[in-house]
Amino acid sequence: MSASEHDSDVISRCAQSIHAVRTLRSHGMNDEALQVIYKSVVLQKLLYASSAWWGFTSAADRHRIEAFIRRGVRSGFYSAVSPIAAELVSDSDDNLF
């Protein structure tokens, strides 16, 4: 599986999780709880083992990942001032090594 195929698969699974978070919103869950769920489920799924595969991604792949995170910002699930994907991967690497 190439990096692009991996990214497409992961983004597709994360989009399904976004749908679940939106469903929770429609049932009345508050925004603070939705943001915690987004960070702990969607972002963790999106960036799982990123230390291993991030270096193999193209600029287009990274742009797609960033665009997906911006979609979370527009939906109100992620703060616009929170770290972008590259910063999250770098932080993860720092914590790992």
PDB file of N, CA and C in Angstrom:
ATOM      1  N   MET A   1       0.853  -1.172   0.000  1.00  0.00           N
ATOM      2  CA  MET A   1       0.000   0.000   0.000  1.00  0.00           C
ATOM      3  C   MET A   1       0.898   1.235   0.000  1.00  0.00           C
ATOM      4  N   SER A   2       0.668   2.137  -0.940  1.00  0.00           N
ATOM      5  CA  SER A   2       1.455   3.361  -1.010  1.00  0.00           C
ATOM      6  C   SER A   2       0.992   4.355   0.053  1.00  0.00           C
ATOM      7  N   ALA A   3       1.794   5.379   0.258  1.00  0.00           N
ATOM      8  CA  ALA A   3       1.449   6.405   1.250  1.00  0.00           C
ATOM      9  C   ALA A   3       0.130   7.081   0.883  1.00  0.00           C
ATOM     10  N   SER A   4      -0.082   7.325  -0.399  1.00  0.00           N
ATOM     11  CA  SER A   4      -1.331   7.974  -0.828  1.00  0.00           C
ATOM     12  C   SER A   4      -2.543   7.092  -0.561  1.00  0.00           C
ATOM     13  N   GLU A   5      -2.392   5.790  -0.817  1.00  0.00           N
ATOM     14  CA  GLU A   5      -3.495   4.875  -0.544  1.00  0.00           C
ATOM     15  C   GLU A   5      -3.776   4.811   0.952  1.00  0.00           C
ATOM     16  N   HIS A   6      -2.707   4.788   1.732  1.00  0.00           N
ATOM     17  CA  HIS A   6      -2.857   4.763   3.190  1.00  0.00           C
ATOM     18  C   HIS A   6      -3.586   6.017   3.655  1.00  0.00           C
ATOM     19  N   ASP A   7      -3.156   7.174   3.160  1.00  0.00           N
ATOM     20  CA  ASP A   7      -3.784   8.435   3.554  1.00  0.00           C
ATOM     21  C   ASP A   7      -5.261   8.451   3.184  1.00  0.00           C
ATOM     22  N   SER A   8      -5.582   7.991   1.995  1.00  0.00           N
ATOM     23  CA  SER A   8      -6.986   7.959   1.565  1.00  0.00           C
ATOM     24  C   SER A   8      -7.813   7.056   2.462  1.00  0.00           C
ATOM     25  N   ASP A   9      -7.265   5.904   2.803  1.00  0.00           N
ATOM     26  CA  ASP A   9      -7.972   4.969   3.672  1.00  0.00           C
ATOM     27  C   ASP A   9      -8.189   5.561   5.061  1.00  0.00           C
ATOM     28  N   VAL A  10      -7.159   6.166   5.611  1.00  0.00           N
ATOM     29  CA  VAL A  10      -7.259   6.749   6.953  1.00  0.00           C
ATOM     30  C   VAL A  10      -8.244   7.916   6.965  1.00  0.00           C
ATOM     31  N   ILE A  11      -8.158   8.779   5.973  1.00  0.00           N
ATOM     32  CA  ILE A  11      -9.066   9.931   5.903  1.00  0.00           C
ATOM     33  C   ILE A  11     -10.505   9.453   5.749  1.00  0.00           C
ATOM     34  N   SER A  12     -10.714   8.396   4.995  1.00  0.00           N
ATOM     35  CA  SER A  12     -12.061   7.848   4.835  1.00  0.00           C
ATOM     36  C   SER A  12     -12.597   7.341   6.172  1.00  0.00           C
ATOM     37  N   ARG A  13     -11.778   6.630   6.940  1.00  0.00           N
ATOM     38  CA  ARG A  13     -12.213   6.132   8.246  1.00  0.00           C
ATOM     39  C   ARG A  13     -12.448   7.279   9.220  1.00  0.00           C
ATOM     40  N   CYS A  14     -11.632   8.318   9.122  1.00  0.00           N
ATOM     41  CA  CYS A  14     -11.819   9.477   9.997  1.00  0.00           C
ATOM     42  C   CYS A  14     -13.089  10.230   9.645  1.00  0.00           C
ATOM     43  N   ALA A  15     -13.430  10.275   8.365  1.00  0.00           N
ATOM     44  CA  ALA A  15     -14.670  10.932   7.947  1.00  0.00           C
ATOM     45  C   ALA A  15     -15.875  10.214   8.551  1.00  0.00           C
ATOM     46  N   GLN A  16     -15.796   8.893   8.669  1.00  0.00           N
ATOM     47  CA  GLN A  16     -16.874   8.151   9.313  1.00  0.00           C
ATOM     48  C   GLN A  16     -16.969   8.529  10.789  1.00  0.00           C
ATOM     49  N   SER A  17     -15.823   8.734  11.421  1.00  0.00           N
ATOM     50  CA  SER A  17     -15.819   9.141  12.830  1.00  0.00           C
ATOM     51  C   SER A  17     -16.393  10.546  12.989  1.00  0.00           C
ATOM     52  N   ILE A  18     -16.104  11.434  12.025  1.00  0.00           N
ATOM     53  CA  ILE A  18     -16.666  12.788  12.054  1.00  0.00           C
ATOM     54  C   ILE A  18     -18.192  12.704  12.009  1.00  0.00           C
ATOM     55  N   HIS A  19     -18.703  11.806  11.189  1.00  0.00           N
ATOM     56  CA  HIS A  19     -20.154  11.632  11.120  1.00  0.00           C
ATOM     57  C   HIS A  19     -20.701  11.241  12.491  1.00  0.00           C
ATOM     58  N   ALA A  20     -20.001  10.363  13.182  1.00  0.00           N
ATOM     59  CA  ALA A  20     -20.443   9.949  14.520  1.00  0.00           C
ATOM     60  C   ALA A  20     -20.408  11.125  15.491  1.00  0.00           C
ATOM     61  N   VAL A  21     -19.391  11.973  15.399  1.00  0.00           N
ATOM     62  CA  VAL A  21     -19.296  13.142  16.278  1.00  0.00           C
ATOM     63  C   VAL A  21     -20.434  14.118  15.971  1.00  0.00           C
ATOM     64  N   ARG A  22     -20.746  14.280  14.702  1.00  0.00           N
ATOM     65  CA  ARG A  22     -21.876  15.146  14.332  1.00  0.00           C
ATOM     66  C   ARG A  22     -23.193  14.590  14.867  1.00  0.00           C
ATOM     67  N   THR A  23     -23.309  13.280  14.864  1.00  0.00           N
ATOM     68  CA  THR A  23     -24.513  12.654  15.419  1.00  0.00           C
ATOM     69  C   THR A  23     -24.612  12.954  16.909  1.00  0.00           C
ATOM     70  N   LEU A  24     -23.493  12.881  17.596  1.00  0.00           N
ATOM     71  CA  LEU A  24     -23.495  13.219  19.022  1.00  0.00           C
ATOM     72  C   LEU A  24     -23.916  14.667  19.234  1.00  0.00           C
ATOM     73  N   ARG A  25     -23.452  15.557  18.359  1.00  0.00           N
ATOM     74  CA  ARG A  25     -23.852  16.966  18.454  1.00  0.00           C
ATOM     75  C   ARG A  25     -25.352  17.112  18.272  1.00  0.00           C
ATOM     76  N   SER A  26     -25.899  16.381  17.307  1.00  0.00           N
ATOM     77  CA  SER A  26     -27.337  16.498  17.057  1.00  0.00           C
ATOM     78  C   SER A  26     -28.173  15.962  18.219  1.00  0.00           C
ATOM     79  N   HIS A  27     -27.570  15.124  19.042  1.00  0.00           N
ATOM     80  CA  HIS A  27     -28.264  14.604  20.222  1.00  0.00           C
ATOM     81  C   HIS A  27     -28.034  15.462  21.455  1.00  0.00           C
ATOM     82  N   GLY A  28     -27.364  16.607  21.268  1.00  0.00           N
ATOM     83  CA  GLY A  28     -27.256  17.573  22.347  1.00  0.00           C
ATOM     84  C   GLY A  28     -25.960  17.588  23.140  1.00  0.00           C
ATOM     85  N   MET A  29     -24.938  16.877  22.704  1.00  0.00           N
ATOM     86  CA  MET A  29     -23.674  16.897  23.437  1.00  0.00           C
ATOM     87  C   MET A  29     -23.039  18.280  23.301  1.00  0.00           C
ATOM     88  N   ASN A  30     -22.431  18.763  24.390  1.00  0.00           N
ATOM     89  CA  ASN A  30     -21.859  20.118  24.358  1.00  0.00           C
ATOM     90  C   ASN A  30     -20.559  20.156  23.545  1.00  0.00           C
ATOM     91  N   ASP A  31     -20.197  21.367  23.117  1.00  0.00           N
ATOM     92  CA  ASP A  31     -19.047  21.544  22.224  1.00  0.00           C
ATOM     93  C   ASP A  31     -17.728  21.133  22.864  1.00  0.00           C
ATOM     94  N   GLU A  32     -17.579  21.379  24.150  1.00  0.00           N
ATOM     95  CA  GLU A  32     -16.332  21.010  24.821  1.00  0.00           C
ATOM     96  C   GLU A  32     -16.119  19.495  24.776  1.00  0.00           C
ATOM     97  N   ALA A  33     -17.148  18.742  25.033  1.00  0.00           N
ATOM     98  CA  ALA A  33     -17.048  17.280  24.981  1.00  0.00           C
ATOM     99  C   ALA A  33     -16.796  16.805  23.553  1.00  0.00           C
ATOM    100  N   LEU A  34     -17.420  17.460  22.581  1.00  0.00           N
ATOM    101  CA  LEU A  34     -17.206  17.087  21.181  1.00  0.00           C
ATOM    102  C   LEU A  34     -15.757  17.335  20.761  1.00  0.00           C
ATOM    103  N   GLN A  35     -15.159  18.416  21.252  1.00  0.00           N
ATOM    104  CA  GLN A  35     -13.763  18.694  20.933  1.00  0.00           C
ATOM    105  C   GLN A  35     -12.837  17.642  21.538  1.00  0.00           C
ATOM    106  N   VAL A  36     -13.142  17.211  22.747  1.00  0.00           N
ATOM    107  CA  VAL A  36     -12.340  16.153  23.378  1.00  0.00           C
ATOM    108  C   VAL A  36     -12.456  14.851  22.581  1.00  0.00           C
ATOM    109  N   ILE A  37     -13.651  14.520  22.157  1.00  0.00           N
ATOM    110  CA  ILE A  37     -13.866  13.308  21.365  1.00  0.00           C
ATOM    111  C   ILE A  37     -13.134  13.412  20.039  1.00  0.00           C
ATOM    112  N   TYR A  38     -13.206  14.573  19.384  1.00  0.00           N
ATOM    113  CA  TYR A  38     -12.526  14.765  18.112  1.00  0.00           C
ATOM    114  C   TYR A  38     -11.024  14.542  18.268  1.00  0.00           C
ATOM    115  N   LYS A  39     -10.442  15.149  19.308  1.00  0.00           N
ATOM    116  CA  LYS A  39      -8.998  15.004  19.521  1.00  0.00           C
ATOM    117  C   LYS A  39      -8.621  13.567  19.857  1.00  0.00           C
ATOM    118  N   SER A  40      -9.410  12.924  20.700  1.00  0.00           N
ATOM    119  CA  SER A  40      -9.035  11.598  21.170  1.00  0.00           C
ATOM    120  C   SER A  40      -9.377  10.480  20.187  1.00  0.00           C
ATOM    121  N   VAL A  41     -10.343  10.695  19.328  1.00  0.00           N
ATOM    122  CA  VAL A  41     -10.720   9.650  18.380  1.00  0.00           C
ATOM    123  C   VAL A  41     -10.231   9.979  16.973  1.00  0.00           C
ATOM    124  N   VAL A  42     -10.670  11.094  16.441  1.00  0.00           N
ATOM    125  CA  VAL A  42     -10.396  11.404  15.041  1.00  0.00           C
ATOM    126  C   VAL A  42      -8.921  11.734  14.820  1.00  0.00           C
ATOM    127  N   LEU A  43      -8.379  12.665  15.586  1.00  0.00           N
ATOM    128  CA  LEU A  43      -6.975  13.031  15.375  1.00  0.00           C
ATOM    129  C   LEU A  43      -6.037  11.868  15.683  1.00  0.00           C
ATOM    130  N   GLN A  44      -6.340  11.102  16.717  1.00  0.00           N
ATOM    131  CA  GLN A  44      -5.477   9.969  17.040  1.00  0.00           C
ATOM    132  C   GLN A  44      -5.518   8.918  15.937  1.00  0.00           C
ATOM    133  N   LYS A  45      -6.696   8.699  15.370  1.00  0.00           N
ATOM    134  CA  LYS A  45      -6.812   7.754  14.253  1.00  0.00           C
ATOM    135  C   LYS A  45      -6.075   8.295  13.034  1.00  0.00           C
ATOM    136  N   LEU A  46      -6.199   9.579  12.783  1.00  0.00           N
ATOM    137  CA  LEU A  46      -5.568  10.202  11.622  1.00  0.00           C
ATOM    138  C   LEU A  46      -4.049  10.150  11.713  1.00  0.00           C
ATOM    139  N   LEU A  47      -3.509  10.356  12.899  1.00  0.00           N
ATOM    140  CA  LEU A  47      -2.063  10.467  13.052  1.00  0.00           C
ATOM    141  C   LEU A  47      -1.415   9.255  13.713  1.00  0.00           C
ATOM    142  N   TYR A  48      -2.148   8.150  13.846  1.00  0.00           N
ATOM    143  CA  TYR A  48      -1.614   6.952  14.476  1.00  0.00           C
ATOM    144  C   TYR A  48      -0.357   6.478  13.737  1.00  0.00           C
ATOM    145  N   ALA A  49       0.708   6.260  14.477  1.00  0.00           N
ATOM    146  CA  ALA A  49       1.994   5.783  13.958  1.00  0.00           C
ATOM    147  C   ALA A  49       2.563   6.717  12.886  1.00  0.00           C
ATOM    148  N   SER A  50       2.246   8.003  12.991  1.00  0.00           N
ATOM    149  CA  SER A  50       2.698   8.967  11.980  1.00  0.00           C
ATOM    150  C   SER A  50       4.214   9.055  11.902  1.00  0.00           C
ATOM    151  N   SER A  51       4.893   8.732  12.980  1.00  0.00           N
ATOM    152  CA  SER A  51       6.356   8.748  12.953  1.00  0.00           C
ATOM    153  C   SER A  51       6.893   7.784  11.897  1.00  0.00           C
ATOM    154  N   ALA A  52       6.172   6.702  11.662  1.00  0.00           N
ATOM    155  CA  ALA A  52       6.611   5.699  10.700  1.00  0.00           C
ATOM    156  C   ALA A  52       6.285   6.075   9.257  1.00  0.00           C
ATOM    157  N   TRP A  53       5.159   6.738   9.016  1.00  0.00           N
ATOM    158  CA  TRP A  53       4.748   6.965   7.634  1.00  0.00           C
ATOM    159  C   TRP A  53       4.792   8.411   7.166  1.00  0.00           C
ATOM    160  N   TRP A  54       4.925   9.371   8.063  1.00  0.00           N
ATOM    161  CA  TRP A  54       4.868  10.780   7.681  1.00  0.00           C
ATOM    162  C   TRP A  54       5.951  11.142   6.663  1.00  0.00           C
ATOM    163  N   GLY A  55       7.142  10.602   6.824  1.00  0.00           N
ATOM    164  CA  GLY A  55       8.243  10.906   5.906  1.00  0.00           C
ATOM    165  C   GLY A  55       8.024  10.409   4.490  1.00  0.00           C
ATOM    166  N   PHE A  56       7.121   9.460   4.306  1.00  0.00           N
ATOM    167  CA  PHE A  56       6.839   8.912   2.984  1.00  0.00           C
ATOM    168  C   PHE A  56       5.710   9.634   2.264  1.00  0.00           C
ATOM    169  N   THR A  57       5.081  10.591   2.926  1.00  0.00           N
ATOM    170  CA  THR A  57       3.964  11.298   2.307  1.00  0.00           C
ATOM    171  C   THR A  57       4.464  12.395   1.378  1.00  0.00           C
ATOM    172  N   SER A  58       3.691  12.642   0.354  1.00  0.00           N
ATOM    173  CA  SER A  58       3.998  13.730  -0.567  1.00  0.00           C
ATOM    174  C   SER A  58       3.391  15.026  -0.040  1.00  0.00           C
ATOM    175  N   ALA A  59       3.726  16.122  -0.684  1.00  0.00           N
ATOM    176  CA  ALA A  59       3.136  17.407  -0.293  1.00  0.00           C
ATOM    177  C   ALA A  59       1.625  17.373  -0.484  1.00  0.00           C
ATOM    178  N   ALA A  60       1.159  16.692  -1.518  1.00  0.00           N
ATOM    179  CA  ALA A  60      -0.280  16.592  -1.775  1.00  0.00           C
ATOM    180  C   ALA A  60      -0.966  15.794  -0.663  1.00  0.00           C
ATOM    181  N   ASP A  61      -0.310  14.717  -0.211  1.00  0.00           N
ATOM    182  CA  ASP A  61      -0.877  13.922   0.886  1.00  0.00           C
ATOM    183  C   ASP A  61      -0.974  14.758   2.150  1.00  0.00           C
ATOM    184  N   ARG A  62       0.064  15.501   2.448  1.00  0.00           N
ATOM    185  CA  ARG A  62       0.068  16.338   3.649  1.00  0.00           C
ATOM    186  C   ARG A  62      -1.000  17.426   3.554  1.00  0.00           C
ATOM    187  N   HIS A  63      -1.186  17.951   2.357  1.00  0.00           N
ATOM    188  CA  HIS A  63      -2.218  18.965   2.144  1.00  0.00           C
ATOM    189  C   HIS A  63      -3.609  18.377   2.412  1.00  0.00           C
ATOM    190  N   ARG A  64      -3.851  17.136   1.965  1.00  0.00           N
ATOM    191  CA  ARG A  64      -5.140  16.479   2.201  1.00  0.00           C
ATOM    192  C   ARG A  64      -5.390  16.279   3.693  1.00  0.00           C
ATOM    193  N   ILE A  65      -4.337  15.910   4.418  1.00  0.00           N
ATOM    194  CA  ILE A  65      -4.475  15.714   5.863  1.00  0.00           C
ATOM    195  C   ILE A  65      -4.776  17.045   6.542  1.00  0.00           C
ATOM    196  N   GLU A  66      -4.052  18.088   6.155  1.00  0.00           N
ATOM    197  CA  GLU A  66      -4.303  19.418   6.718  1.00  0.00           C
ATOM    198  C   GLU A  66      -5.710  19.896   6.377  1.00  0.00           C
ATOM    199  N   ALA A  67      -6.163  19.623   5.152  1.00  0.00           N
ATOM    200  CA  ALA A  67      -7.510  20.024   4.741  1.00  0.00           C
ATOM    201  C   ALA A  67      -8.557  19.305   5.581  1.00  0.00           C
ATOM    202  N   PHE A  68      -8.306  18.047   5.901  1.00  0.00           N
ATOM    203  CA  PHE A  68      -9.232  17.302   6.742  1.00  0.00           C
ATOM    204  C   PHE A  68      -9.309  17.922   8.134  1.00  0.00           C
ATOM    205  N   ILE A  69      -8.165  18.316   8.674  1.00  0.00           N
ATOM    206  CA  ILE A  69      -8.148  18.954   9.994  1.00  0.00           C
ATOM    207  C   ILE A  69      -8.857  20.307   9.935  1.00  0.00           C
ATOM    208  N   ARG A  70      -8.671  21.057   8.853  1.00  0.00           N
ATOM    209  CA  ARG A  70      -9.377  22.344   8.707  1.00  0.00           C
ATOM    210  C   ARG A  70     -10.889  22.132   8.661  1.00  0.00           C
ATOM    211  N   ARG A  71     -11.326  21.009   8.108  1.00  0.00           N
ATOM    212  CA  ARG A  71     -12.751  20.687   8.107  1.00  0.00           C
ATOM    213  C   ARG A  71     -13.249  20.521   9.545  1.00  0.00           C
ATOM    214  N   GLY A  72     -12.418  19.950  10.396  1.00  0.00           N
ATOM    215  CA  GLY A  72     -12.761  19.839  11.812  1.00  0.00           C
ATOM    216  C   GLY A  72     -12.840  21.198  12.484  1.00  0.00           C
ATOM    217  N   VAL A  73     -11.977  22.125  12.049  1.00  0.00           N
ATOM    218  CA  VAL A  73     -12.013  23.492  12.580  1.00  0.00           C
ATOM    219  C   VAL A  73     -13.317  24.166  12.171  1.00  0.00           C
ATOM    220  N   ARG A  74     -13.675  24.051  10.895  1.00  0.00           N
ATOM    221  CA  ARG A  74     -14.917  24.665  10.413  1.00  0.00           C
ATOM    222  C   ARG A  74     -16.147  24.096  11.111  1.00  0.00           C
ATOM    223  N   SER A  75     -16.077  22.830  11.478  1.00  0.00           N
ATOM    224  CA  SER A  75     -17.198  22.190  12.165  1.00  0.00           C
ATOM    225  C   SER A  75     -17.246  22.529  13.644  1.00  0.00           C
ATOM    226  N   GLY A  76     -16.189  23.168  14.140  1.00  0.00           N
ATOM    227  CA  GLY A  76     -16.148  23.536  15.542  1.00  0.00           C
ATOM    228  C   GLY A  76     -15.620  22.444  16.453  1.00  0.00           C
ATOM    229  N   PHE A  77     -15.016  21.409  15.873  1.00  0.00           N
ATOM    230  CA  PHE A  77     -14.496  20.299  16.663  1.00  0.00           C
ATOM    231  C   PHE A  77     -13.041  20.487  17.057  1.00  0.00           C
ATOM    232  N   TYR A  78     -12.356  21.430  16.424  1.00  0.00           N
ATOM    233  CA  TYR A  78     -10.927  21.645  16.667  1.00  0.00           C
ATOM    234  C   TYR A  78     -10.666  23.138  16.598  1.00  0.00           C
ATOM    235  N   SER A  79      -9.848  23.618  17.488  1.00  0.00           N
ATOM    236  CA  SER A  79      -9.561  25.049  17.549  1.00  0.00           C
ATOM    237  C   SER A  79      -8.624  25.468  16.416  1.00  0.00           C
ATOM    238  N   ALA A  80      -8.889  26.628  15.848  1.00  0.00           N
ATOM    239  CA  ALA A  80      -8.055  27.143  14.763  1.00  0.00           C
ATOM    240  C   ALA A  80      -6.646  27.478  15.236  1.00  0.00           C
ATOM    241  N   VAL A  81      -6.470  27.711  16.537  1.00  0.00           N
ATOM    242  CA  VAL A  81      -5.148  28.042  17.064  1.00  0.00           C
ATOM    243  C   VAL A  81      -4.400  26.796  17.550  1.00  0.00           C
ATOM    244  N   SER A  82      -5.021  25.635  17.467  1.00  0.00           N
ATOM    245  CA  SER A  82      -4.369  24.383  17.852  1.00  0.00           C
ATOM    246  C   SER A  82      -3.344  23.986  16.786  1.00  0.00           C
ATOM    247  N   PRO A  83      -2.419  23.115  17.144  1.00  0.00           N
ATOM    248  CA  PRO A  83      -1.359  22.731  16.199  1.00  0.00           C
ATOM    249  C   PRO A  83      -1.904  22.048  14.944  1.00  0.00           C
ATOM    250  N   ILE A  84      -1.215  22.299  13.832  1.00  0.00           N
ATOM    251  CA  ILE A  84      -1.553  21.636  12.576  1.00  0.00           C
ATOM    252  C   ILE A  84      -0.915  20.246  12.576  1.00  0.00           C
ATOM    253  N   ALA A  85      -1.212  19.454  11.559  1.00  0.00           N
ATOM    254  CA  ALA A  85      -0.762  18.061  11.519  1.00  0.00           C
ATOM    255  C   ALA A  85       0.762  17.944  11.624  1.00  0.00           C
ATOM    256  N   ALA A  86       1.495  18.763  10.890  1.00  0.00           N
ATOM    257  CA  ALA A  86       2.959  18.673  10.931  1.00  0.00           C
ATOM    258  C   ALA A  86       3.484  18.920  12.341  1.00  0.00           C
ATOM    259  N   GLU A  87       2.882  19.853  13.049  1.00  0.00           N
ATOM    260  CA  GLU A  87       3.299  20.129  14.428  1.00  0.00           C
ATOM    261  C   GLU A  87       2.923  18.979  15.353  1.00  0.00           C
ATOM    262  N   LEU A  88       1.764  18.389  15.134  1.00  0.00           N
ATOM    263  CA  LEU A  88       1.345  17.249  15.947  1.00  0.00           C
ATOM    264  C   LEU A  88       2.278  16.059  15.734  1.00  0.00           C
ATOM    265  N   VAL A  89       2.686  15.834  14.488  1.00  0.00           N
ATOM    266  CA  VAL A  89       3.616  14.737  14.189  1.00  0.00           C
ATOM    267  C   VAL A  89       4.968  15.014  14.833  1.00  0.00           C
ATOM    268  N   SER A  90       5.437  16.241  14.728  1.00  0.00           N
ATOM    269  CA  SER A  90       6.715  16.608  15.343  1.00  0.00           C
ATOM    270  C   SER A  90       6.666  16.437  16.859  1.00  0.00           C
ATOM    271  N   ASP A  91       5.578  16.868  17.477  1.00  0.00           N
ATOM    272  CA  ASP A  91       5.417  16.697  18.924  1.00  0.00           C
ATOM    273  C   ASP A  91       5.395  15.214  19.292  1.00  0.00           C
ATOM    274  N   SER A  92       4.721  14.425  18.483  1.00  0.00           N
ATOM    275  CA  SER A  92       4.652  12.982  18.725  1.00  0.00           C
ATOM    276  C   SER A  92       6.042  12.356  18.641  1.00  0.00           C
ATOM    277  N   ASP A  93       6.813  12.780  17.638  1.00  0.00           N
ATOM    278  CA  ASP A  93       8.191  12.285  17.504  1.00  0.00           C
ATOM    279  C   ASP A  93       9.024  12.676  18.718  1.00  0.00           C
ATOM    280  N   ASP A  94       8.872  13.907  19.164  1.00  0.00           N
ATOM    281  CA  ASP A  94       9.635  14.373  20.321  1.00  0.00           C
ATOM    282  C   ASP A  94       9.293  13.550  21.561  1.00  0.00           C
ATOM    283  N   ASN A  95       8.013  13.253  21.738  1.00  0.00           N
ATOM    284  CA  ASN A  95       7.596  12.461  22.903  1.00  0.00           C
ATOM    285  C   ASN A  95       8.070  11.008  22.787  1.00  0.00           C
ATOM    286  N   LEU A  96       8.096  10.492  21.556  1.00  0.00           N
ATOM    287  CA  LEU A  96       8.494   9.101  21.345  1.00  0.00           C
ATOM    288  C   LEU A  96       9.986   8.911  21.538  1.00  0.00           C
ATOM    289  N   PHE A  97      10.743   9.833  20.977  1.00  0.00           N
ATOM    290  CA  PHE A  97      12.209   9.703  21.036  1.00  0.00           C
ATOM    291  C   PHE A  97      12.752  10.689  22.011  1.00  0.00           C
TER     292      PHE A  97
END
